[in-house]
Amino acid sequence: MNLHNPDWLTMSVEEAGKLLGIGRSSAYGAIRRGELPFLKIGRRILVPRSALFRKIEDLQQDPILGEELTGNRTPG
């Protein structure tokens, strides 16, 4: 499994989970809850690399979630 192959437009749910630091079951759960972007091609579920990276960037730029993700909280 090569998570860093930029030529591939998609990755498996398992690969996305490893990249995010979560398990296979958690990754599938995130897809069911609409938290992870995915494509269904036939019976296969794939995670588009660009959509996943964009979602991570969006979460990091959110003023509240970004603090939770980075651990940088402002005193208050």
Foldseek 3Di string as FASTA:
>chain_A
DDLPDPVDQWAALQSLCVVVVHHSVVSVVCVVVVNFDWDQDPNGIIGGPVRRVVSVVVLCPPPVSVCVVVVDDDDD
